Amino acid sequence: MIEKQIAIEHEHSSDDSDTQSTALQNVATIIRDIGPRIVNSISPRTWPQDGLYHYTSGEGFMNIINSNSLRFSDCLFLNDGSEVHYANQLLWAAVARFCEGKPTRVKNFAQIALDEIIQTAVKGRPVVFCLSKKPDLLNQWRDYGRDVVPYCFQLEPSELEKKDWSFEVNLIEMICDEELQNRILDDLMLGLHALLRPIARDLADPAIHEAILNHVVSQVWGVLIQFKNPAYSAEQEWRLISYYPLLEGQEVEFRTNSLGIVPFFTRRPQVGTRLPIKHVWVGPSPWGDVSLNALAIFLRMKGYQVGITASAIPSR
């Protein structure tokens, strides 16, 4: 999805040059798939058959229902302050490991790619809507229930990736195991190197160099955005994700959270369609029955006929 669509256009006057062009296009095609292939081979995903769950405060839940939209946060303004820096640090270490004993031209290309990836991390950064594999998680209630009653609602995953919403997204599972993260990056570095070695001399052509570099940057960045600090593994997080370059025409809105005033984007389903909410949980509360009754009235007035449940976790 974040792949920069760059066509390699070059005039050829011989059979040899036509063969070279075909080889380069084949390499570019393979590069476009290498990131997902390596991630899936090392950390295979299981589709969340039982749905995915979003935790939020009471105010946040009301705003989501009243606006009939999901709020996507800029990744620079998430509550996890290490969000971007953690993945970048893993990448720097992986590039350093890869470059050991490599010739200068390989190290130079790796450094150029690294610089481009760091720039992409800002210019093409993701906007995300965070989800969890499980409802009624104590750590999530604690995060969203500071002095308020928090809520959690279940969404149907197959509905979330449909293209009839206000902008397109991908659904990804976050990887929180540092050993797996390092294995993925190491294999990605080696895989890209193996693909590029046969065409190393062709990279002297500026157009070819730029096109291949963009493919490499796209694949590495597409892997990095799936990494999260292991300290947050208990969240069992999945994400809906889009990117700033794909949000042209979308209005930037603002809200407040623990960081102060922060930007967000709203993603709405097709006109006349409600959010694909299947069930709602009320977080731990000393007034569980009262909170549950109030929630039932609110949802009924908003046209949602869904199940509701009070958290099984006792309130303190």
Protein backbone atom coordinates (compact mmCIF):
# COMPACT_ATOMS: atom_id res chain seq x y z
CA MET A 1 0.00 0.00 0.00
CA ILE A 2 2.84 2.40 0.72
CA GLU A 3 4.73 1.26 -2.35
CA LYS A 4 5.73 4.24 -4.51
CA GLN A 5 4.52 3.46 -7.99
CA ILE A 6 7.60 4.16 -10.08
CA ALA A 7 7.85 2.92 -13.64
CA ILE A 8 11.33 2.26 -14.94
CA GLU A 9 11.25 3.69 -18.45
CA HIS A 10 14.30 3.25 -20.62
CA GLU A 11 14.93 3.13 -24.35
CA HIS A 12 16.66 -0.07 -25.52
CA SER A 13 18.18 -0.70 -28.91
CA SER A 14 19.35 -4.30 -28.63
CA ASP A 15 18.21 -7.71 -27.47
CA ASP A 16 20.76 -7.56 -24.64
CA SER A 17 19.30 -4.31 -23.28
CA ASP A 18 15.76 -5.72 -23.54
CA THR A 19 16.88 -8.72 -21.50
CA GLN A 20 18.46 -6.41 -18.93
CA SER A 21 15.25 -4.37 -18.66
CA THR A 22 13.20 -7.51 -18.10
CA ALA A 23 15.59 -8.68 -15.41
CA LEU A 24 15.39 -5.35 -13.61
CA GLN A 25 11.61 -5.36 -13.73
CA ASN A 26 11.58 -8.91 -12.36
CA VAL A 27 13.83 -7.85 -9.48
CA ALA A 28 11.54 -4.90 -8.73
CA THR A 29 8.53 -7.23 -8.70
CA ILE A 30 10.22 -9.64 -6.30
CA ILE A 31 11.34 -6.80 -4.02
CA ARG A 32 7.73 -5.61 -3.74
CA ASP A 33 6.81 -8.93 -2.10
CA ILE A 34 9.84 -9.66 0.04
CA GLY A 35 8.78 -7.83 3.20
CA PRO A 36 5.42 -9.60 3.67
CA ARG A 37 6.94 -12.96 2.72
CA ILE A 38 9.66 -12.73 5.36
CA VAL A 39 7.28 -11.47 8.05
CA ASN A 40 4.81 -14.27 7.35
CA SER A 41 7.53 -16.92 7.35
CA ILE A 42 8.89 -15.85 10.75
CA SER A 43 5.77 -14.54 12.47
CA PRO A 44 2.71 -16.04 10.74
CA ARG A 45 -0.62 -14.39 11.52
CA THR A 46 -3.94 -15.96 12.39
CA TRP A 47 -6.98 -14.03 11.20
CA PRO A 48 -9.02 -12.83 14.22
CA GLN A 49 -12.16 -14.90 13.68
CA ASP A 50 -13.78 -13.67 16.89
CA GLY A 51 -13.43 -10.00 16.00
CA LEU A 52 -11.17 -7.20 17.19
CA TYR A 53 -11.72 -4.85 20.10
CA HIS A 54 -11.19 -1.13 20.61
CA TYR A 55 -10.79 0.33 24.10
CA THR A 56 -11.63 3.94 24.83
CA SER A 57 -12.94 6.32 27.47
CA GLY A 58 -16.62 7.11 27.88
CA GLU A 59 -16.16 10.42 26.07
CA GLY A 60 -14.22 8.73 23.28
CA PHE A 61 -16.93 6.09 22.82
CA MET A 62 -19.68 8.71 22.66
CA ASN A 63 -17.75 10.72 20.06
CA ILE A 64 -17.20 7.61 17.92
CA ILE A 65 -20.90 6.71 17.98
CA ASN A 66 -22.17 10.27 17.53
CA SER A 67 -19.83 10.95 14.57
CA ASN A 68 -20.28 7.44 13.11
CA SER A 69 -16.55 7.30 12.50
CA LEU A 70 -13.29 5.76 13.71
CA ARG A 71 -10.57 8.15 14.85
CA PHE A 72 -7.10 7.52 13.41
CA SER A 73 -4.16 8.90 15.38
CA ASP A 74 -0.94 10.27 13.94
CA CYS A 75 1.77 7.82 15.06
CA LEU A 76 3.90 10.71 16.34
CA PHE A 77 1.25 11.51 18.93
CA LEU A 78 0.39 8.13 20.42
CA ASN A 79 0.56 7.54 24.16
CA ASP A 80 3.60 5.30 23.61
CA GLY A 81 6.38 7.84 23.24
CA SER A 82 8.81 5.20 21.91
CA GLU A 83 6.53 4.28 18.98
CA VAL A 84 8.71 5.53 16.10
CA HIS A 85 12.10 5.60 17.80
CA TYR A 86 11.98 1.97 18.93
CA ALA A 87 11.64 0.60 15.39
CA ASN A 88 14.30 2.99 14.06
CA GLN A 89 16.77 1.81 16.70
CA LEU A 90 16.17 -1.80 15.67
CA LEU A 91 16.81 -0.84 12.06
CA TRP A 92 20.05 1.01 12.81
CA ALA A 93 21.35 -2.05 14.68
CA ALA A 94 20.28 -4.41 11.87
CA VAL A 95 21.99 -2.28 9.21
CA ALA A 96 25.17 -2.19 11.32
CA ARG A 97 25.14 -5.99 11.61
CA PHE A 98 24.50 -6.38 7.89
CA CYS A 99 27.30 -3.99 6.87
CA GLU A 100 30.02 -5.83 8.80
CA GLY A 101 32.63 -7.04 6.28
CA LYS A 102 30.68 -5.74 3.26
CA PRO A 103 32.38 -3.74 0.48
CA THR A 104 32.14 0.04 0.48
CA ARG A 105 29.57 0.24 -2.33
CA VAL A 106 27.20 -2.00 -0.34
CA LYS A 107 27.68 0.05 2.81
CA ASN A 108 27.05 3.27 0.86
CA PHE A 109 23.80 1.95 -0.63
CA ALA A 110 22.69 0.73 2.82
CA GLN A 111 23.37 4.16 4.31
CA ILE A 112 21.45 5.93 1.55
CA ALA A 113 18.52 3.56 2.07
CA LEU A 114 18.67 4.08 5.83
CA ASP A 115 18.56 7.87 5.42
CA GLU A 116 15.58 7.58 3.07
CA ILE A 117 13.75 5.28 5.50
CA ILE A 118 14.21 7.74 8.36
CA GLN A 119 12.80 10.54 6.16
CA THR A 120 9.88 8.31 5.14
CA ALA A 121 9.19 7.67 8.83
CA VAL A 122 8.20 11.35 9.05
CA LYS A 123 6.88 12.27 5.59
CA GLY A 124 4.99 9.03 4.96
CA ARG A 125 4.20 8.19 8.54
CA PRO A 126 1.17 6.10 9.46
CA VAL A 127 -2.10 7.08 11.01
CA VAL A 128 -3.53 4.26 13.07
CA PHE A 129 -6.62 2.96 14.81
CA CYS A 130 -5.60 0.61 17.60
CA LEU A 131 -7.35 -2.67 18.31
CA SER A 132 -6.83 -5.69 20.53
CA LYS A 133 -7.36 -9.42 20.05
CA LYS A 134 -9.14 -9.73 23.39
CA PRO A 135 -11.95 -7.97 25.25
CA ASP A 136 -11.96 -7.28 28.99
CA LEU A 137 -8.17 -6.93 29.39
CA LEU A 138 -7.11 -5.49 32.74
CA ASN A 139 -4.13 -3.54 31.35
CA GLN A 140 -6.36 -1.85 28.77
CA TRP A 141 -9.00 -0.94 31.32
CA ARG A 142 -6.30 0.65 33.44
CA ASP A 143 -5.04 2.71 30.50
CA TYR A 144 -8.45 4.05 29.54
CA GLY A 145 -10.22 4.03 32.90
CA ARG A 146 -8.30 6.64 34.85
CA ASP A 147 -11.02 8.22 37.00
CA VAL A 148 -13.69 7.35 34.39
CA VAL A 149 -15.66 4.29 33.27
CA PRO A 150 -13.97 2.94 30.11
CA TYR A 151 -15.59 1.04 27.24
CA CYS A 152 -14.56 -1.64 24.77
CA PHE A 153 -16.41 -2.50 21.58
CA GLN A 154 -16.09 -5.41 19.17
CA LEU A 155 -15.67 -4.78 15.43
CA GLU A 156 -16.00 -7.18 12.52
CA PRO A 157 -12.52 -7.36 10.86
CA SER A 158 -13.78 -8.21 7.37
CA GLU A 159 -15.84 -5.00 7.35
CA LEU A 160 -12.94 -2.79 8.37
CA GLU A 161 -10.82 -3.24 5.21
CA LYS A 162 -13.65 -2.62 2.76
CA LYS A 163 -12.96 0.09 0.20
CA ASP A 164 -16.30 1.92 0.60
CA TRP A 165 -15.06 3.85 3.65
CA SER A 166 -13.74 7.43 3.38
CA PHE A 167 -10.13 6.20 2.94
CA GLU A 168 -8.40 2.85 2.48
CA VAL A 169 -6.52 0.99 5.19
CA ASN A 170 -4.59 -2.20 5.87
CA LEU A 171 -5.20 -4.40 8.90
CA ILE A 172 -2.00 -5.62 10.55
CA GLU A 173 -1.02 -7.50 13.69
CA MET A 174 1.74 -5.85 15.71
CA ILE A 175 4.89 -7.84 16.49
CA CYS A 176 6.20 -7.31 20.03
CA ASP A 177 8.84 -10.04 20.29
CA GLU A 178 12.27 -8.42 19.92
CA GLU A 179 13.94 -11.67 18.88
CA LEU A 180 11.43 -12.09 16.04
CA GLN A 181 11.83 -8.44 15.07
CA ASN A 182 15.60 -8.82 14.76
CA ARG A 183 15.27 -12.08 12.79
CA ILE A 184 12.87 -10.42 10.38
CA LEU A 185 15.20 -7.46 9.80
CA ASP A 186 18.29 -9.65 9.43
CA ASP A 187 16.55 -11.90 6.89
CA LEU A 188 15.20 -8.85 5.07
CA MET A 189 18.69 -7.32 4.76
CA LEU A 190 20.14 -10.59 3.46
CA GLY A 191 17.23 -11.16 1.10
CA LEU A 192 17.46 -7.69 -0.42
CA HIS A 193 21.23 -8.04 -0.81
CA ALA A 194 20.84 -11.37 -2.61
CA LEU A 195 18.32 -9.84 -5.02
CA LEU A 196 20.41 -6.76 -5.76
CA ARG A 197 23.83 -8.39 -6.20
CA PRO A 198 23.17 -9.62 -9.76
CA ILE A 199 22.21 -6.10 -10.89
CA ALA A 200 24.79 -4.18 -8.84
CA ARG A 201 26.45 -2.58 -11.88
CA ASP A 202 23.09 -1.40 -13.23
CA LEU A 203 22.56 0.68 -10.08
CA ALA A 204 25.05 3.17 -11.55
CA ASP A 205 22.18 4.33 -13.76
CA PRO A 206 20.50 7.12 -11.71
CA ALA A 207 16.97 6.20 -12.84
CA ILE A 208 17.44 2.53 -11.98
CA HIS A 209 19.14 3.42 -8.71
CA GLU A 210 16.24 5.65 -7.66
CA ALA A 211 13.57 3.13 -8.65
CA ILE A 212 15.22 0.21 -6.83
CA LEU A 213 15.97 2.40 -3.81
CA ASN A 214 12.29 3.34 -3.53
CA HIS A 215 11.28 -0.33 -3.64
CA VAL A 216 13.81 -1.15 -0.91
CA VAL A 217 12.71 1.76 1.30
CA SER A 218 9.07 0.80 0.87
CA GLN A 219 9.65 -2.82 1.91
CA VAL A 220 11.76 -2.00 4.95
CA TRP A 221 9.39 0.72 6.13
CA GLY A 222 6.43 -1.58 5.58
CA VAL A 223 8.03 -4.06 7.97
CA LEU A 224 9.08 -1.50 10.59
CA ILE A 225 5.54 -0.21 11.09
CA GLN A 226 4.57 -3.67 12.38
CA PHE A 227 7.04 -3.49 15.29
CA LYS A 228 6.07 -2.42 18.79
CA ASN A 229 8.03 -2.24 22.01
CA PRO A 230 7.86 -5.61 23.86
CA ALA A 231 6.74 -3.74 26.99
CA TYR A 232 3.30 -3.45 25.35
CA SER A 233 2.89 -7.10 24.36
CA ALA A 234 0.00 -7.59 26.81
CA GLU A 235 -2.15 -5.35 24.61
CA GLN A 236 -2.24 -8.08 21.91
CA GLU A 237 -2.52 -5.28 19.39
CA TRP A 238 -3.75 -5.14 15.83
CA ARG A 239 -4.03 -1.94 13.85
CA LEU A 240 -5.92 -0.38 11.02
CA ILE A 241 -3.32 1.69 9.25
CA SER A 242 -3.11 4.29 6.50
CA TYR A 243 -0.45 6.86 5.58
CA TYR A 244 -0.23 10.62 5.18
CA PRO A 245 0.43 10.51 1.40
CA LEU A 246 -2.88 8.63 0.98
CA LEU A 247 -4.95 11.11 2.99
CA GLU A 248 -5.05 13.97 0.50
CA GLY A 249 -8.40 15.72 0.82
CA GLN A 250 -9.05 14.34 4.32
CA GLU A 251 -9.62 16.96 7.00
CA VAL A 252 -7.21 17.09 9.94
CA GLU A 253 -9.15 17.37 13.20
CA PHE A 254 -7.96 17.82 16.76
CA ARG A 255 -8.79 16.41 20.17
CA THR A 256 -7.17 16.27 23.59
CA ASN A 257 -5.49 13.33 25.29
CA SER A 258 -2.74 12.85 27.86
CA LEU A 259 -0.31 14.64 25.50
CA GLY A 260 -2.55 17.71 25.15
CA ILE A 261 -3.99 18.77 21.80
CA VAL A 262 -3.28 16.17 19.09
CA PRO A 263 -4.35 15.68 15.44
CA PHE A 264 -6.52 12.86 14.11
CA PHE A 265 -8.40 11.77 10.99
CA THR A 266 -11.93 10.38 10.89
CA ARG A 267 -12.72 7.33 8.78
CA ARG A 268 -16.40 6.93 7.98
CA PRO A 269 -18.27 3.99 6.45
CA GLN A 270 -20.42 4.33 3.37
CA VAL A 271 -23.21 6.90 3.72
CA GLY A 272 -26.23 5.34 5.43
CA THR A 273 -24.12 2.60 7.05
CA ARG A 274 -23.42 2.32 10.76
CA LEU A 275 -20.12 1.22 12.24
CA PRO A 276 -19.73 -2.61 12.25
CA ILE A 277 -20.01 -2.87 16.04
CA LYS A 278 -21.03 -6.32 17.32
CA HIS A 279 -20.79 -6.04 21.11
CA VAL A 280 -19.89 -3.48 23.79
CA TRP A 281 -18.27 -3.97 27.21
CA VAL A 282 -18.44 -1.58 30.15
CA GLY A 283 -15.15 -1.49 32.05
CA PRO A 284 -14.71 -2.25 35.75
CA SER A 285 -16.94 0.04 37.78
CA PRO A 286 -18.48 0.05 41.27
CA TRP A 287 -21.72 1.05 39.47
CA GLY A 288 -21.64 -1.72 36.89
CA ASP A 289 -25.40 -2.28 36.62
CA VAL A 290 -26.14 1.44 36.41
CA SER A 291 -23.44 1.93 33.73
CA LEU A 292 -24.80 -1.04 31.78
CA ASN A 293 -28.36 0.29 31.82
CA ALA A 294 -27.22 3.73 30.70
CA LEU A 295 -25.22 2.17 27.87
CA ALA A 296 -28.27 0.18 26.72
CA ILE A 297 -30.37 3.36 26.51
CA PHE A 298 -27.63 5.22 24.60
CA LEU A 299 -27.09 2.45 22.04
CA ARG A 300 -30.80 1.94 21.50
CA MET A 301 -31.31 5.65 20.81
CA LYS A 302 -28.44 5.55 18.31
CA GLY A 303 -29.91 2.58 16.45
CA TYR A 304 -27.48 -0.12 17.62
CA GLN A 305 -29.03 -3.43 18.60
CA VAL A 306 -25.94 -5.20 19.93
CA GLY A 307 -24.99 -7.22 22.98
CA ILE A 308 -23.65 -5.44 26.04
CA THR A 309 -21.63 -6.89 28.92
CA ALA A 310 -20.22 -5.59 32.18
CA SER A 311 -16.54 -6.40 32.77
CA ALA A 312 -15.89 -9.54 34.79
CA ILE A 313 -12.91 -7.81 36.42
CA PRO A 314 -13.78 -6.45 39.89
CA SER A 315 -13.52 -2.71 40.42
CA ARG A 316 -11.15 -1.29 43.03
